[in-house]
C-alpha atoms as a PDB file:
ATOM      1  CA  UNK A   1       0.000   0.000   0.000  1.00  0.00           C
ATOM      2  CA  UNK A   2       2.852   2.281   0.814  1.00  0.00           C
ATOM      3  CA  UNK A   3       4.434   1.595  -2.558  1.00  0.00           C
ATOM      4  CA  UNK A   4       1.210   2.505  -4.372  1.00  0.00           C
ATOM      5  CA  UNK A   5       1.007   5.848  -2.573  1.00  0.00           C
ATOM      6  CA  UNK A   6       4.634   6.656  -3.238  1.00  0.00           C
ATOM      7  CA  UNK A   7       4.277   5.644  -6.896  1.00  0.00           C
ATOM      8  CA  UNK A   8       1.158   7.807  -7.311  1.00  0.00           C
ATOM      9  CA  UNK A   9       2.925  10.776  -5.704  1.00  0.00           C
ATOM     10  CA  UNK A  10       5.965  10.299  -7.907  1.00  0.00           C
ATOM     11  CA  UNK A  11       3.813  10.130 -11.075  1.00  0.00           C
ATOM     12  CA  UNK A  12       1.945  13.286 -10.014  1.00  0.00           C
ATOM     13  CA  UNK A  13       5.149  15.218  -9.322  1.00  0.00           C
ATOM     14  CA  UNK A  14       6.750  14.144 -12.621  1.00  0.00           C
ATOM     15  CA  UNK A  15       3.590  15.037 -14.550  1.00  0.00           C
ATOM     16  CA  UNK A  16       3.377  18.489 -12.933  1.00  0.00           C
ATOM     17  CA  UNK A  17       7.057  19.140 -13.608  1.00  0.00           C
ATOM     18  CA  UNK A  18       6.610  18.174 -17.240  1.00  0.00           C
ATOM     19  CA  UNK A  19       3.588  20.427 -17.645  1.00  0.00           C
ATOM     20  CA  UNK A  20       5.341  23.395 -16.078  1.00  0.00           C
ATOM     21  CA  UNK A  21       8.399  22.916 -18.268  1.00  0.00           C
ATOM     22  CA  UNK A  22       6.308  22.707 -21.472  1.00  0.00           C
ATOM     23  CA  UNK A  23       4.696  25.778 -22.928  1.00  0.00           C
ATOM     24  CA  UNK A  24       5.453  29.232 -24.153  1.00  0.00           C
ATOM     25  CA  UNK A  25       6.798  31.830 -21.732  1.00  0.00           C
ATOM     26  CA  UNK A  26       4.109  34.355 -20.769  1.00  0.00           C
ATOM     27  CA  UNK A  27       6.145  37.357 -21.930  1.00  0.00           C
ATOM     28  CA  UNK A  28       6.584  35.864 -25.397  1.00  0.00           C
ATOM     29  CA  UNK A  29       2.901  34.915 -25.542  1.00  0.00           C
ATOM     30  CA  UNK A  30       1.825  38.436 -24.572  1.00  0.00           C
ATOM     31  CA  UNK A  31       4.139  39.927 -27.190  1.00  0.00           C
ATOM     32  CA  UNK A  32       2.700  37.737 -29.945  1.00  0.00           C
ATOM     33  CA  UNK A  33      -0.880  38.461 -28.854  1.00  0.00           C
ATOM     34  CA  UNK A  34      -0.101  42.192 -28.884  1.00  0.00           C
ATOM     35  CA  UNK A  35       1.334  41.935 -32.417  1.00  0.00           C
ATOM     36  CA  UNK A  36      -1.723  39.972 -33.524  1.00  0.00           C
ATOM     37  CA  UNK A  37      -4.092  42.615 -32.181  1.00  0.00           C
ATOM     38  CA  UNK A  38      -2.079  45.355 -33.888  1.00  0.00           C
ATOM     39  CA  UNK A  39      -2.189  43.447 -37.176  1.00  0.00           C
ATOM     40  CA  UNK A  40      -5.965  43.030 -36.845  1.00  0.00           C
ATOM     41  CA  UNK A  41      -6.368  46.781 -36.305  1.00  0.00           C
ATOM     42  CA  UNK A  42      -4.209  47.558 -39.350  1.00  0.00           C
ATOM     43  CA  UNK A  43      -6.204  45.055 -41.390  1.00  0.00           C
ATOM     44  CA  UNK A  44      -9.477  46.724 -40.379  1.00  0.00           C
ATOM     45  CA  UNK A  45      -8.111  50.178 -41.255  1.00  0.00           C
ATOM     46  CA  UNK A  46      -6.856  48.987 -44.639  1.00  0.00           C
ATOM     47  CA  UNK A  47     -10.168  47.254 -45.348  1.00  0.00           C
ATOM     48  CA  UNK A  48     -11.967  50.546 -44.674  1.00  0.00           C
ATOM     49  CA  UNK A  49      -9.598  52.400 -46.996  1.00  0.00           C
ATOM     50  CA  UNK A  50     -10.139  49.781 -49.689  1.00  0.00           C
ATOM     51  CA  UNK A  51     -13.918  50.079 -49.406  1.00  0.00           C
ATOM     52  CA  UNK A  52     -13.703  53.878 -49.671  1.00  0.00           C
ATOM     53  CA  UNK A  53     -11.387  53.556 -52.677  1.00  0.00           C
ATOM     54  CA  UNK A  54     -13.799  51.181 -54.412  1.00  0.00           C
ATOM     55  CA  UNK A  55     -16.671  53.602 -53.788  1.00  0.00           C
ATOM     56  CA  UNK A  56     -14.622  56.435 -55.248  1.00  0.00           C
ATOM     57  CA  UNK A  57     -13.709  54.349 -58.309  1.00  0.00           C
ATOM     58  CA  UNK A  58     -17.383  53.554 -58.927  1.00  0.00           C
ATOM     59  CA  UNK A  59     -18.294  57.239 -58.599  1.00  0.00           C
ATOM     60  CA  UNK A  60     -15.541  58.308 -61.003  1.00  0.00           C
ATOM     61  CA  UNK A  61     -16.507  55.635 -63.524  1.00  0.00           C
ATOM     62  CA  UNK A  62     -20.058  57.001 -63.463  1.00  0.00           C
ATOM     63  CA  UNK A  63     -18.738  60.502 -64.117  1.00  0.00           C
ATOM     64  CA  UNK A  64     -16.595  59.241 -67.011  1.00  0.00           C
ATOM     65  CA  UNK A  65     -19.598  57.491 -68.571  1.00  0.00           C
ATOM     66  CA  UNK A  66     -21.744  60.605 -68.195  1.00  0.00           C
ATOM     67  CA  UNK A  67     -19.101  62.889 -69.672  1.00  0.00           C
ATOM     68  CA  UNK A  68     -18.411  60.477 -72.528  1.00  0.00           C
ATOM     69  CA  UNK A  69     -22.095  60.434 -73.427  1.00  0.00           C
ATOM     70  CA  UNK A  70     -22.275  64.226 -73.250  1.00  0.00           C
ATOM     71  CA  UNK A  71     -19.140  64.495 -75.414  1.00  0.00           C
ATOM     72  CA  UNK A  72     -20.632  62.234 -78.086  1.00  0.00           C
ATOM     73  CA  UNK A  73     -23.861  64.267 -78.108  1.00  0.00           C
ATOM     74  CA  UNK A  74     -21.926  67.497 -78.539  1.00  0.00           C
ATOM     75  CA  UNK A  75     -19.813  65.987 -81.325  1.00  0.00           C
ATOM     76  CA  UNK A  76     -22.993  64.962 -83.126  1.00  0.00           C
ATOM     77  CA  UNK A  77     -24.395  68.504 -82.855  1.00  0.00           C
ATOM     78  CA  UNK A  78     -21.176  70.124 -84.099  1.00  0.00           C
ATOM     79  CA  UNK A  79     -20.432  67.705 -86.925  1.00  0.00           C
ATOM     80  CA  UNK A  80     -21.068  69.287 -90.356  1.00  0.00           C
ATOM     81  CA  UNK A  81     -23.863  67.679 -92.238  1.00  0.00           C
ATOM     82  CA  UNK A  82     -22.526  65.771 -95.178  1.00  0.00           C
ATOM     83  CA  UNK A  83     -24.161  66.393 -98.575  1.00  0.00           C
ATOM     84  CA  UNK A  84     -25.564  63.465-100.463  1.00  0.00           C
ATOM     85  CA  UNK A  85     -22.871  61.287-101.917  1.00  0.00           C
ATOM     86  CA  UNK A  86     -21.998  62.203-105.518  1.00  0.00           C
ATOM     87  CA  UNK A  87     -21.135  59.499-107.990  1.00  0.00           C
ATOM     88  CA  UNK A  88     -17.446  59.392-108.697  1.00  0.00           C
ATOM     89  CA  UNK A  89     -16.542  61.124-111.954  1.00  0.00           C
ATOM     90  CA  UNK A  90     -14.618  59.026-114.395  1.00  0.00           C
ATOM     91  CA  UNK A  91     -11.544  60.512-115.919  1.00  0.00           C
ATOM     92  CA  UNK A  92     -10.730  59.932-119.567  1.00  0.00           C
ATOM     93  CA  UNK A  93      -7.950  57.504-120.162  1.00  0.00           C
ATOM     94  CA  UNK A  94      -4.582  59.114-120.633  1.00  0.00           C
ATOM     95  CA  UNK A  95      -3.118  59.032-124.107  1.00  0.00           C
ATOM     96  CA  UNK A  96      -0.176  56.834-124.502  1.00  0.00           C
ATOM     97  CA  UNK A  97       2.454  58.003-126.896  1.00  0.00           C
ATOM     98  CA  UNK A  98       5.170  55.997-128.401  1.00  0.00           C
ATOM     99  CA  UNK A  99       8.314  57.543-129.611  1.00  0.00           C
ATOM    100  CA  UNK A 100      10.178  56.194-132.528  1.00  0.00           C
ATOM    101  CA  UNK A 101      13.755  56.778-133.134  1.00  0.00           C
ATOM    102  CA  UNK A 102      14.748  58.372-136.356  1.00  0.00           C
ATOM    103  CA  UNK A 103      17.812  57.130-138.086  1.00  0.00           C
END
């Protein structure tokens, strides 16, 4: 009976020593958690900036489309009206001359 109690105590002490020796030091853990929280905050800030940028891009694309349409309408108003197409005039064939050498 005495051996069982001593064996149980020894197993408990060895197990506790092993558990205390294993693990990450608290200072290192706190440092990593702090860095993680900072990275999450930066990620949230950048996500907000990205959303605002996308909204601005959509707004500017709408302005470009509107101005392009207005530009085309103004071009159509300013373009000179073309007269009816005239049939192409045919030119008479050019005379071909041959020269002969005199002896």
